[in-house]
Amino acid sequence: MKLVQSVKVTDKFVEVKYEDHLGDRVDEFSLKMKDAPHPDLRAALQDLAPHVIDVIEQPSAFATDMIVRKCTWAWKENKKSGKMVARVTVHVTKKLKNNNAPLNLHTPLAEPDEDFAVDFELVHDEALAYVDGKRAQGTLPLDGKDTPETPDDPSDGDDE
C-alpha cells in the first residue's frame, strides 16, 4: 500500500514523497521532477481551495488568486479498525494587491471532515498517478495506424 506523505506543485517542478508499506516493511521514496503534472493533479489541488477557506475562516472571495501548492499527510493507524487515518495540512499562496511577494498560508494539521477527505483522497490518487507516469504530455496514440506495414510472411517474393 502506497501512502503519500506530501505533494508539491510549482511552476518549475512536482515533488511527491510517499511510503510503500509491504507487510512490516516500509520503504520511503521521494520523486522530484520537472515534468509538468497532468491537469487532473492541478485541478484536484485547486479543488481544495474552498476547504482551505473554511478552515482559515475567511469569506469565499478570499479564494480569488489563491493557488493550492502543497498538501501534506500525517498518517497514523486507527487502533480499532486497523486502517490508516490521515491528518492533513494544505499550503496555499495568494497574490496581494499592494505587495510583489505572495501571502503564504498553511492550514492547521487536522483530520478532515467527510467532504474534505473525499477531495484529499483525489489529490492523493492523482499524486500516485504522477508517480506512475501520468503527466501533462499524455500518451501517444500507437494503435498501429502510423506503423509501417510488414508482410505477414517474410519469405514473400523469395519463392525461387
C-alpha atoms as a PDB file:
ATOM      1  CA  MET A   1       0.000   0.000   0.000  1.00  0.00           C
ATOM      2  CA  LYS A   2       1.396   3.386  -1.007  1.00  0.00           C
ATOM      3  CA  LEU A   3       0.717   6.377   1.243  1.00  0.00           C
ATOM      4  CA  VAL A   4       1.590   9.839   0.011  1.00  0.00           C
ATOM      5  CA  GLN A   5       3.348  11.973   2.627  1.00  0.00           C
ATOM      6  CA  SER A   6       3.290  15.161   0.552  1.00  0.00           C
ATOM      7  CA  VAL A   7       2.763  16.506  -2.945  1.00  0.00           C
ATOM      8  CA  LYS A   8       4.043  19.903  -4.043  1.00  0.00           C
ATOM      9  CA  VAL A   9       3.389  21.502  -7.423  1.00  0.00           C
ATOM     10  CA  THR A  10       5.210  24.648  -8.524  1.00  0.00           C
ATOM     11  CA  ASP A  11       5.780  26.264 -11.895  1.00  0.00           C
ATOM     12  CA  LYS A  12       9.190  24.548 -12.052  1.00  0.00           C
ATOM     13  CA  PHE A  13       8.726  21.065 -10.593  1.00  0.00           C
ATOM     14  CA  VAL A  14       6.498  18.481  -8.946  1.00  0.00           C
ATOM     15  CA  GLU A  15       7.632  16.734  -5.778  1.00  0.00           C
ATOM     16  CA  VAL A  16       5.941  13.666  -4.328  1.00  0.00           C
ATOM     17  CA  LYS A  17       7.075  11.948  -1.140  1.00  0.00           C
ATOM     18  CA  TYR A  18       5.462   8.642  -0.278  1.00  0.00           C
ATOM     19  CA  GLU A  19       5.840   5.422   1.678  1.00  0.00           C
ATOM     20  CA  ASP A  20       5.301   1.933   0.317  1.00  0.00           C
ATOM     21  CA  HIS A  21       4.038  -0.408   3.038  1.00  0.00           C
ATOM     22  CA  LEU A  22       4.787  -4.068   2.305  1.00  0.00           C
ATOM     23  CA  GLY A  23       3.788  -6.057   5.378  1.00  0.00           C
ATOM     24  CA  ASP A  24       6.114  -4.999   8.202  1.00  0.00           C
ATOM     25  CA  ARG A  25       8.472  -3.301   5.756  1.00  0.00           C
ATOM     26  CA  VAL A  26       8.110   0.426   4.953  1.00  0.00           C
ATOM     27  CA  ASP A  27      10.143   1.958   2.122  1.00  0.00           C
ATOM     28  CA  GLU A  28      10.299   5.733   1.710  1.00  0.00           C
ATOM     29  CA  PHE A  29      10.524   7.381  -1.707  1.00  0.00           C
ATOM     30  CA  SER A  30      10.936  10.942  -2.909  1.00  0.00           C
ATOM     31  CA  LEU A  31      10.377  11.987  -6.517  1.00  0.00           C
ATOM     32  CA  LYS A  32      11.169  15.488  -7.746  1.00  0.00           C
ATOM     33  CA  MET A  33      10.698  16.057 -11.469  1.00  0.00           C
ATOM     34  CA  LYS A  34      10.431  18.909 -13.907  1.00  0.00           C
ATOM     35  CA  ASP A  35       7.755  17.076 -15.917  1.00  0.00           C
ATOM     36  CA  ALA A  36       4.580  19.153 -15.780  1.00  0.00           C
ATOM     37  CA  PRO A  37       1.726  17.491 -13.890  1.00  0.00           C
ATOM     38  CA  HIS A  38      -1.371  16.263 -15.642  1.00  0.00           C
ATOM     39  CA  PRO A  39      -4.177  18.861 -15.441  1.00  0.00           C
ATOM     40  CA  ASP A  40      -6.115  16.453 -13.190  1.00  0.00           C
ATOM     41  CA  LEU A  41      -3.494  16.873 -10.426  1.00  0.00           C
ATOM     42  CA  ARG A  42      -3.600  20.665 -10.628  1.00  0.00           C
ATOM     43  CA  ALA A  43      -7.418  20.606 -10.648  1.00  0.00           C
ATOM     44  CA  ALA A  44      -7.576  18.244  -7.659  1.00  0.00           C
ATOM     45  CA  LEU A  45      -5.259  20.520  -5.693  1.00  0.00           C
ATOM     46  CA  GLN A  46      -7.241  23.622  -6.616  1.00  0.00           C
ATOM     47  CA  ASP A  47     -10.474  21.899  -5.579  1.00  0.00           C
ATOM     48  CA  LEU A  48      -9.144  22.077  -2.004  1.00  0.00           C
ATOM     49  CA  ALA A  49      -9.370  25.907  -2.001  1.00  0.00           C
ATOM     50  CA  PRO A  50     -12.974  26.076  -0.654  1.00  0.00           C
ATOM     51  CA  HIS A  51     -11.984  23.771   2.209  1.00  0.00           C
ATOM     52  CA  VAL A  52      -8.976  25.982   2.974  1.00  0.00           C
ATOM     53  CA  ILE A  53     -11.294  28.998   3.116  1.00  0.00           C
ATOM     54  CA  ASP A  54     -13.494  27.165   5.651  1.00  0.00           C
ATOM     55  CA  VAL A  55     -10.521  26.116   7.784  1.00  0.00           C
ATOM     56  CA  ILE A  56      -8.946  29.589   7.905  1.00  0.00           C
ATOM     57  CA  GLU A  57     -12.392  31.163   8.471  1.00  0.00           C
ATOM     58  CA  GLN A  58     -12.325  33.627   5.591  1.00  0.00           C
ATOM     59  CA  PRO A  59     -15.070  34.694   3.151  1.00  0.00           C
ATOM     60  CA  SER A  60     -15.221  32.821  -0.155  1.00  0.00           C
ATOM     61  CA  ALA A  61     -13.940  35.898  -2.032  1.00  0.00           C
ATOM     62  CA  PHE A  62     -10.599  35.350  -0.266  1.00  0.00           C
ATOM     63  CA  ALA A  63     -10.031  32.382  -2.612  1.00  0.00           C
ATOM     64  CA  THR A  64      -9.550  34.775  -5.560  1.00  0.00           C
ATOM     65  CA  ASP A  65      -5.944  34.461  -6.804  1.00  0.00           C
ATOM     66  CA  MET A  66      -5.301  31.651  -4.297  1.00  0.00           C
ATOM     67  CA  ILE A  67      -3.209  28.745  -5.575  1.00  0.00           C
ATOM     68  CA  VAL A  68      -3.007  25.453  -3.703  1.00  0.00           C
ATOM     69  CA  ARG A  69       0.677  24.446  -3.886  1.00  0.00           C
ATOM     70  CA  LYS A  70       1.215  21.624  -1.412  1.00  0.00           C
ATOM     71  CA  CYS A  71      -0.644  19.015   0.596  1.00  0.00           C
ATOM     72  CA  THR A  72       0.856  17.070   3.464  1.00  0.00           C
ATOM     73  CA  TRP A  73      -0.492  13.940   5.124  1.00  0.00           C
ATOM     74  CA  ALA A  74       0.412  12.720   8.614  1.00  0.00           C
ATOM     75  CA  TRP A  75      -0.681   9.085   8.797  1.00  0.00           C
ATOM     76  CA  LYS A  76      -1.499   7.054  11.889  1.00  0.00           C
ATOM     77  CA  GLU A  77      -3.130   3.688  12.392  1.00  0.00           C
ATOM     78  CA  ASN A  78      -6.609   3.629  13.892  1.00  0.00           C
ATOM     79  CA  LYS A  79      -6.288   1.140  16.779  1.00  0.00           C
ATOM     80  CA  LYS A  80      -9.898  -0.056  16.482  1.00  0.00           C
ATOM     81  CA  SER A  81     -10.199  -0.501  12.710  1.00  0.00           C
ATOM     82  CA  GLY A  82      -6.540  -1.077  11.844  1.00  0.00           C
ATOM     83  CA  LYS A  83      -6.916   1.371   8.952  1.00  0.00           C
ATOM     84  CA  MET A  84      -4.532   4.212   8.276  1.00  0.00           C
ATOM     85  CA  VAL A  85      -6.077   7.613   9.022  1.00  0.00           C
ATOM     86  CA  ALA A  86      -4.658  10.906   7.848  1.00  0.00           C
ATOM     87  CA  ARG A  87      -4.387  14.304   9.381  1.00  0.00           C
ATOM     88  CA  VAL A  88      -3.763  16.876   6.669  1.00  0.00           C
ATOM     89  CA  THR A  89      -2.408  20.349   6.060  1.00  0.00           C
ATOM     90  CA  VAL A  90      -2.563  22.468   2.920  1.00  0.00           C
ATOM     91  CA  HIS A  91      -0.160  25.170   1.764  1.00  0.00           C
ATOM     92  CA  VAL A  92      -1.537  27.951  -0.442  1.00  0.00           C
ATOM     93  CA  THR A  93      -0.176  31.125  -1.971  1.00  0.00           C
ATOM     94  CA  LYS A  94      -2.255  34.200  -2.669  1.00  0.00           C
ATOM     95  CA  LYS A  95      -1.419  37.278  -4.706  1.00  0.00           C
ATOM     96  CA  LEU A  96      -1.597  40.528  -2.793  1.00  0.00           C
ATOM     97  CA  LYS A  97      -2.706  43.843  -4.291  1.00  0.00           C
ATOM     98  CA  ASN A  98      -0.025  46.048  -2.739  1.00  0.00           C
ATOM     99  CA  ASN A  99       2.910  43.664  -2.485  1.00  0.00           C
ATOM    100  CA  ASN A 100       5.021  41.814  -5.053  1.00  0.00           C
ATOM    101  CA  ALA A 101       5.529  38.817  -2.765  1.00  0.00           C
ATOM    102  CA  PRO A 102       2.634  36.394  -2.275  1.00  0.00           C
ATOM    103  CA  LEU A 103       0.968  35.570   1.011  1.00  0.00           C
ATOM    104  CA  ASN A 104       1.832  32.017   2.124  1.00  0.00           C
ATOM    105  CA  LEU A 105      -0.640  30.160   4.324  1.00  0.00           C
ATOM    106  CA  HIS A 106      -0.659  26.710   5.910  1.00  0.00           C
ATOM    107  CA  THR A 107      -3.810  25.220   7.354  1.00  0.00           C
ATOM    108  CA  PRO A 108      -3.554  23.639  10.794  1.00  0.00           C
ATOM    109  CA  LEU A 109      -2.820  19.908  10.820  1.00  0.00           C
ATOM    110  CA  ALA A 110      -6.168  18.221  11.435  1.00  0.00           C
ATOM    111  CA  GLU A 111      -8.365  15.306  10.441  1.00  0.00           C
ATOM    112  CA  PRO A 112     -10.509  16.484   7.543  1.00  0.00           C
ATOM    113  CA  ASP A 113     -14.292  16.389   7.563  1.00  0.00           C
ATOM    114  CA  GLU A 114     -16.003  13.967   5.149  1.00  0.00           C
ATOM    115  CA  ASP A 115     -16.198  16.360   2.165  1.00  0.00           C
ATOM    116  CA  PHE A 116     -12.619  17.483   2.608  1.00  0.00           C
ATOM    117  CA  ALA A 117     -11.483  13.850   2.995  1.00  0.00           C
ATOM    118  CA  VAL A 118     -13.002  12.911  -0.379  1.00  0.00           C
ATOM    119  CA  ASP A 119     -11.209  15.778  -2.149  1.00  0.00           C
ATOM    120  CA  PHE A 120      -7.977  14.990  -0.322  1.00  0.00           C
ATOM    121  CA  GLU A 121      -8.238  11.359  -1.432  1.00  0.00           C
ATOM    122  CA  LEU A 122      -8.468  12.547  -5.039  1.00  0.00           C
ATOM    123  CA  VAL A 123      -5.268  14.598  -4.603  1.00  0.00           C
ATOM    124  CA  HIS A 124      -3.627  11.516  -3.043  1.00  0.00           C
ATOM    125  CA  ASP A 125      -4.668   9.342  -6.009  1.00  0.00           C
ATOM    126  CA  GLU A 126      -3.511  11.915  -8.572  1.00  0.00           C
ATOM    127  CA  ALA A 127      -0.141  12.215  -6.801  1.00  0.00           C
ATOM    128  CA  LEU A 128       0.321   8.444  -7.061  1.00  0.00           C
ATOM    129  CA  ALA A 129      -0.755   8.591 -10.709  1.00  0.00           C
ATOM    130  CA  TYR A 130       2.016  11.161 -11.283  1.00  0.00           C
ATOM    131  CA  VAL A 131       4.496   8.760  -9.681  1.00  0.00           C
ATOM    132  CA  ASP A 132       3.206   6.045 -12.022  1.00  0.00           C
ATOM    133  CA  GLY A 133       3.758   8.249 -15.096  1.00  0.00           C
ATOM    134  CA  LYS A 134       0.589  10.333 -15.569  1.00  0.00           C
ATOM    135  CA  ARG A 135       1.999  13.615 -16.872  1.00  0.00           C
ATOM    136  CA  ALA A 136       0.829  16.637 -18.852  1.00  0.00           C
ATOM    137  CA  GLN A 137       2.318  15.382 -22.112  1.00  0.00           C
ATOM    138  CA  GLY A 138      -0.105  12.456 -22.198  1.00  0.00           C
ATOM    139  CA  THR A 139       0.451   9.395 -24.316  1.00  0.00           C
ATOM    140  CA  LEU A 140       0.976   8.777 -27.995  1.00  0.00           C
ATOM    141  CA  PRO A 141      -1.834   7.066 -29.940  1.00  0.00           C
ATOM    142  CA  LEU A 142       0.086   3.970 -31.014  1.00  0.00           C
ATOM    143  CA  ASP A 143      -2.808   1.960 -32.367  1.00  0.00           C
ATOM    144  CA  GLY A 144      -0.923   0.646 -35.388  1.00  0.00           C
ATOM    145  CA  LYS A 145      -2.127   3.237 -37.894  1.00  0.00           C
ATOM    146  CA  ASP A 146       1.212   5.030 -38.029  1.00  0.00           C
ATOM    147  CA  THR A 147       3.424   1.959 -38.066  1.00  0.00           C
ATOM    148  CA  PRO A 148       4.744   0.737 -41.419  1.00  0.00           C
ATOM    149  CA  GLU A 149       3.105  -2.354 -42.814  1.00  0.00           C
ATOM    150  CA  THR A 150       5.138  -5.522 -42.813  1.00  0.00           C
ATOM    151  CA  PRO A 151       4.296  -8.621 -44.800  1.00  0.00           C
ATOM    152  CA  ASP A 152       2.759 -11.485 -42.887  1.00  0.00           C
ATOM    153  CA  ASP A 153       5.237 -13.923 -44.411  1.00  0.00           C
ATOM    154  CA  PRO A 154       8.822 -12.640 -44.516  1.00  0.00           C
ATOM    155  CA  SER A 155       9.584 -15.053 -47.376  1.00  0.00           C
ATOM    156  CA  ASP A 156       7.058 -13.397 -49.756  1.00  0.00           C
ATOM    157  CA  GLY A 157       8.733 -12.726 -53.070  1.00  0.00           C
ATOM    158  CA  ASP A 158      11.587 -15.170 -52.441  1.00  0.00           C
ATOM    159  CA  ASP A 159       9.864 -18.324 -53.728  1.00  0.00           C
ATOM    160  CA  GLU A 160      12.612 -19.124 -56.228  1.00  0.00           C
END
